[in-house]
Amino acid sequence: MNAPVPLRPDRGMLERETRRSIVRGITAMALSAGDRNAAGDLRQRAWPNDAQADRIIRSAVSPTSTSSFPAITTATAMQALGPQSAEPH
């Protein structure tokens, strides 16, 4: 009988997913020429399971109250973009 493989958490997965959602949100905004409704529709068709990208699209508006703030913060977004920006392509 084979020994089971131990489950090890991938510590970089959250950062990669955040970075991917930021890029997807920005791409949807760029392709829809800044129209948030069209960007949301595009995001839904292209990446239906990426709710964080939808929060990126909606975060560009002025909040009416603190309860409407997106779950992602500027500090998190900038920290997540750093590694991808430094990689040679």
N, C-alpha and C. Protein backbone atom coordinates (compact mmCIF):
# COMPACT_ATOMS: atom_id res chain seq x y z
N MET A 1 0.85 -1.19 0.00
CA MET A 1 0.00 0.00 0.00
C MET A 1 0.89 1.24 0.00
N ASN A 2 0.55 2.20 -0.84
CA ASN A 2 1.33 3.43 -0.93
C ASN A 2 1.00 4.36 0.22
N ALA A 3 2.03 5.05 0.69
CA ALA A 3 1.83 6.02 1.77
C ALA A 3 1.17 7.27 1.19
N PRO A 4 0.23 7.87 1.91
CA PRO A 4 -0.43 9.08 1.40
C PRO A 4 0.55 10.25 1.35
N VAL A 5 0.32 11.12 0.40
CA VAL A 5 1.14 12.31 0.26
C VAL A 5 0.63 13.36 1.24
N PRO A 6 1.50 13.94 2.07
CA PRO A 6 1.02 14.94 3.03
C PRO A 6 0.55 16.21 2.31
N LEU A 7 -0.49 16.79 2.83
CA LEU A 7 -1.04 18.01 2.26
C LEU A 7 -0.23 19.20 2.78
N ARG A 8 0.35 19.94 1.87
CA ARG A 8 1.14 21.11 2.25
C ARG A 8 0.50 22.36 1.63
N PRO A 9 0.29 23.41 2.42
CA PRO A 9 -0.33 24.62 1.86
C PRO A 9 0.62 25.34 0.92
N ASP A 10 0.07 25.89 -0.12
CA ASP A 10 0.84 26.70 -1.07
C ASP A 10 0.73 28.15 -0.63
N ARG A 11 1.76 28.65 -0.01
CA ARG A 11 1.72 29.99 0.57
C ARG A 11 1.64 31.10 -0.49
N GLY A 12 2.12 30.85 -1.68
CA GLY A 12 2.09 31.86 -2.72
C GLY A 12 0.81 31.87 -3.53
N MET A 13 -0.07 30.89 -3.30
CA MET A 13 -1.29 30.79 -4.09
C MET A 13 -2.19 32.02 -3.93
N LEU A 14 -2.36 32.50 -2.72
CA LEU A 14 -3.22 33.66 -2.49
C LEU A 14 -2.70 34.88 -3.24
N GLU A 15 -1.39 35.09 -3.21
CA GLU A 15 -0.81 36.23 -3.93
C GLU A 15 -1.00 36.06 -5.44
N ARG A 16 -0.80 34.86 -5.95
CA ARG A 16 -0.99 34.63 -7.39
C ARG A 16 -2.44 34.84 -7.80
N GLU A 17 -3.38 34.39 -6.98
CA GLU A 17 -4.79 34.57 -7.30
C GLU A 17 -5.18 36.05 -7.25
N THR A 18 -4.66 36.78 -6.27
CA THR A 18 -4.93 38.21 -6.17
C THR A 18 -4.37 38.95 -7.37
N ARG A 19 -3.14 38.63 -7.74
CA ARG A 19 -2.50 39.25 -8.90
C ARG A 19 -3.30 38.95 -10.17
N ARG A 20 -3.74 37.71 -10.33
CA ARG A 20 -4.51 37.32 -11.50
C ARG A 20 -5.84 38.08 -11.56
N SER A 21 -6.50 38.25 -10.42
CA SER A 21 -7.77 38.98 -10.37
C SER A 21 -7.58 40.45 -10.71
N ILE A 22 -6.49 41.04 -10.24
CA ILE A 22 -6.20 42.44 -10.55
C ILE A 22 -6.00 42.61 -12.05
N VAL A 23 -5.22 41.73 -12.64
CA VAL A 23 -4.97 41.81 -14.09
C VAL A 23 -6.27 41.61 -14.86
N ARG A 24 -7.09 40.66 -14.43
CA ARG A 24 -8.37 40.43 -15.11
C ARG A 24 -9.30 41.62 -14.99
N GLY A 25 -9.37 42.24 -13.82
CA GLY A 25 -10.22 43.41 -13.63
C GLY A 25 -9.77 44.58 -14.48
N ILE A 26 -8.47 44.81 -14.51
CA ILE A 26 -7.92 45.91 -15.32
C ILE A 26 -8.14 45.63 -16.81
N THR A 27 -7.97 44.38 -17.22
CA THR A 27 -8.19 44.01 -18.62
C THR A 27 -9.64 44.23 -19.02
N ALA A 28 -10.57 43.82 -18.16
CA ALA A 28 -11.99 44.01 -18.46
C ALA A 28 -12.32 45.50 -18.58
N MET A 29 -11.75 46.33 -17.69
CA MET A 29 -11.99 47.77 -17.76
C MET A 29 -11.42 48.36 -19.05
N ALA A 30 -10.21 47.92 -19.42
CA ALA A 30 -9.58 48.45 -20.63
C ALA A 30 -10.35 48.04 -21.89
N LEU A 31 -10.77 46.79 -21.95
CA LEU A 31 -11.50 46.32 -23.13
C LEU A 31 -12.89 46.92 -23.26
N SER A 32 -13.46 47.35 -22.14
CA SER A 32 -14.80 47.93 -22.19
C SER A 32 -14.76 49.46 -22.20
N ALA A 33 -13.59 50.03 -22.42
CA ALA A 33 -13.40 51.49 -22.51
C ALA A 33 -13.89 52.22 -21.26
N GLY A 34 -13.71 51.61 -20.10
CA GLY A 34 -14.03 52.27 -18.84
C GLY A 34 -15.48 52.16 -18.41
N ASP A 35 -16.34 51.54 -19.19
CA ASP A 35 -17.75 51.37 -18.82
C ASP A 35 -17.85 50.21 -17.82
N ARG A 36 -18.16 50.54 -16.55
CA ARG A 36 -18.16 49.52 -15.50
C ARG A 36 -19.18 48.42 -15.72
N ASN A 37 -20.34 48.77 -16.26
CA ASN A 37 -21.37 47.76 -16.53
C ASN A 37 -20.89 46.78 -17.61
N ALA A 38 -20.31 47.32 -18.67
CA ALA A 38 -19.79 46.46 -19.73
C ALA A 38 -18.60 45.64 -19.23
N ALA A 39 -17.78 46.24 -18.38
CA ALA A 39 -16.63 45.52 -17.82
C ALA A 39 -17.11 44.37 -16.93
N GLY A 40 -18.15 44.59 -16.16
CA GLY A 40 -18.70 43.52 -15.34
C GLY A 40 -19.27 42.39 -16.16
N ASP A 41 -19.95 42.75 -17.26
CA ASP A 41 -20.49 41.73 -18.16
C ASP A 41 -19.37 40.93 -18.83
N LEU A 42 -18.33 41.64 -19.26
CA LEU A 42 -17.18 40.99 -19.88
C LEU A 42 -16.50 40.05 -18.89
N ARG A 43 -16.31 40.52 -17.68
CA ARG A 43 -15.68 39.70 -16.65
C ARG A 43 -16.52 38.45 -16.37
N GLN A 44 -17.83 38.60 -16.33
CA GLN A 44 -18.72 37.47 -16.07
C GLN A 44 -18.64 36.42 -17.18
N ARG A 45 -18.54 36.88 -18.42
CA ARG A 45 -18.45 35.93 -19.53
C ARG A 45 -17.08 35.26 -19.59
N ALA A 46 -16.04 36.04 -19.40
CA ALA A 46 -14.68 35.51 -19.56
C ALA A 46 -14.21 34.71 -18.34
N TRP A 47 -14.50 35.21 -17.14
CA TRP A 47 -14.02 34.58 -15.91
C TRP A 47 -15.17 34.50 -14.91
N PRO A 48 -16.12 33.61 -15.10
CA PRO A 48 -17.32 33.57 -14.27
C PRO A 48 -17.07 33.26 -12.80
N ASN A 49 -15.97 32.64 -12.46
CA ASN A 49 -15.70 32.27 -11.07
C ASN A 49 -14.75 33.21 -10.35
N ASP A 50 -14.42 34.35 -10.95
CA ASP A 50 -13.48 35.28 -10.34
C ASP A 50 -14.22 36.49 -9.78
N ALA A 51 -14.77 36.34 -8.58
CA ALA A 51 -15.52 37.43 -7.95
C ALA A 51 -14.60 38.56 -7.51
N GLN A 52 -13.34 38.25 -7.23
CA GLN A 52 -12.42 39.29 -6.80
C GLN A 52 -12.14 40.27 -7.94
N ALA A 53 -12.11 39.80 -9.17
CA ALA A 53 -11.93 40.70 -10.32
C ALA A 53 -13.11 41.65 -10.42
N ASP A 54 -14.30 41.18 -10.08
CA ASP A 54 -15.48 42.05 -10.09
C ASP A 54 -15.34 43.15 -9.03
N ARG A 55 -14.78 42.82 -7.89
CA ARG A 55 -14.54 43.84 -6.86
C ARG A 55 -13.52 44.86 -7.33
N ILE A 56 -12.55 44.44 -8.10
CA ILE A 56 -11.56 45.37 -8.66
C ILE A 56 -12.27 46.35 -9.60
N ILE A 57 -13.16 45.85 -10.43
CA ILE A 57 -13.88 46.72 -11.37
C ILE A 57 -14.74 47.72 -10.60
N ARG A 58 -15.44 47.26 -9.59
CA ARG A 58 -16.34 48.14 -8.84
C ARG A 58 -15.60 49.07 -7.88
N SER A 59 -14.34 48.80 -7.57
CA SER A 59 -13.62 49.61 -6.58
C SER A 59 -13.23 50.98 -7.10
N ALA A 60 -13.38 51.22 -8.38
CA ALA A 60 -12.99 52.50 -8.95
C ALA A 60 -14.00 53.62 -8.70
N VAL A 61 -15.12 53.35 -8.06
CA VAL A 61 -16.12 54.38 -7.79
C VAL A 61 -15.94 54.93 -6.39
N SER A 62 -16.43 56.13 -6.17
CA SER A 62 -16.38 56.71 -4.84
C SER A 62 -17.38 56.00 -3.94
N PRO A 63 -16.94 55.50 -2.80
CA PRO A 63 -17.86 54.79 -1.92
C PRO A 63 -18.84 55.74 -1.24
N THR A 64 -20.05 55.26 -1.01
CA THR A 64 -21.03 56.08 -0.32
C THR A 64 -20.96 55.88 1.19
N SER A 65 -20.43 54.74 1.60
CA SER A 65 -20.23 54.47 3.02
C SER A 65 -19.10 53.47 3.17
N THR A 66 -18.66 53.29 4.39
CA THR A 66 -17.54 52.38 4.61
C THR A 66 -17.95 50.92 4.38
N SER A 67 -19.23 50.62 4.38
CA SER A 67 -19.66 49.25 4.15
C SER A 67 -19.52 48.84 2.69
N SER A 68 -19.36 49.80 1.78
CA SER A 68 -19.25 49.46 0.36
C SER A 68 -17.80 49.35 -0.10
N PHE A 69 -16.83 49.43 0.82
CA PHE A 69 -15.43 49.29 0.44
C PHE A 69 -15.18 47.88 -0.08
N PRO A 70 -14.35 47.74 -1.10
CA PRO A 70 -14.03 46.39 -1.57
C PRO A 70 -13.14 45.67 -0.57
N ALA A 71 -13.12 44.35 -0.64
CA ALA A 71 -12.34 43.55 0.30
C ALA A 71 -10.84 43.70 0.06
N ILE A 72 -10.44 44.12 -1.13
CA ILE A 72 -9.02 44.26 -1.42
C ILE A 72 -8.58 45.70 -1.14
N THR A 73 -7.43 45.85 -0.53
CA THR A 73 -6.91 47.18 -0.21
C THR A 73 -5.81 47.56 -1.19
N THR A 74 -5.50 48.84 -1.24
CA THR A 74 -4.45 49.31 -2.13
C THR A 74 -3.12 48.68 -1.77
N ALA A 75 -2.85 48.56 -0.48
CA ALA A 75 -1.58 47.96 -0.05
C ALA A 75 -1.48 46.51 -0.53
N THR A 76 -2.55 45.78 -0.45
CA THR A 76 -2.55 44.39 -0.90
C THR A 76 -2.36 44.32 -2.41
N ALA A 77 -3.03 45.21 -3.12
CA ALA A 77 -2.94 45.19 -4.58
C ALA A 77 -1.53 45.53 -5.04
N MET A 78 -0.92 46.55 -4.48
CA MET A 78 0.43 46.94 -4.89
C MET A 78 1.45 45.86 -4.52
N GLN A 79 1.28 45.26 -3.37
CA GLN A 79 2.19 44.19 -2.95
C GLN A 79 2.06 42.99 -3.88
N ALA A 80 0.85 42.70 -4.31
CA ALA A 80 0.63 41.56 -5.19
C ALA A 80 1.17 41.80 -6.59
N LEU A 81 1.15 43.05 -7.06
CA LEU A 81 1.63 43.36 -8.41
C LEU A 81 3.14 43.37 -8.51
N GLY A 82 3.82 43.60 -7.41
CA GLY A 82 5.27 43.72 -7.42
C GLY A 82 6.01 42.57 -8.05
N PRO A 83 5.80 41.32 -7.62
CA PRO A 83 6.56 40.21 -8.20
C PRO A 83 6.36 40.03 -9.70
N GLN A 84 5.15 40.21 -10.17
CA GLN A 84 4.89 40.04 -11.60
C GLN A 84 5.53 41.17 -12.40
N SER A 85 5.56 42.36 -11.83
CA SER A 85 6.14 43.50 -12.54
C SER A 85 7.65 43.37 -12.67
N ALA A 86 8.28 42.67 -11.73
CA ALA A 86 9.72 42.53 -11.74
C ALA A 86 10.22 41.35 -12.57
N GLU A 87 9.32 40.46 -12.96
CA GLU A 87 9.72 39.28 -13.73
C GLU A 87 10.03 39.67 -15.17
N PRO A 88 11.11 39.11 -15.74
CA PRO A 88 11.37 39.36 -17.15
C PRO A 88 10.39 38.58 -18.02
N HIS A 89 9.93 39.21 -19.08
CA HIS A 89 8.95 38.54 -19.98
C HIS A 89 9.57 38.28 -21.31
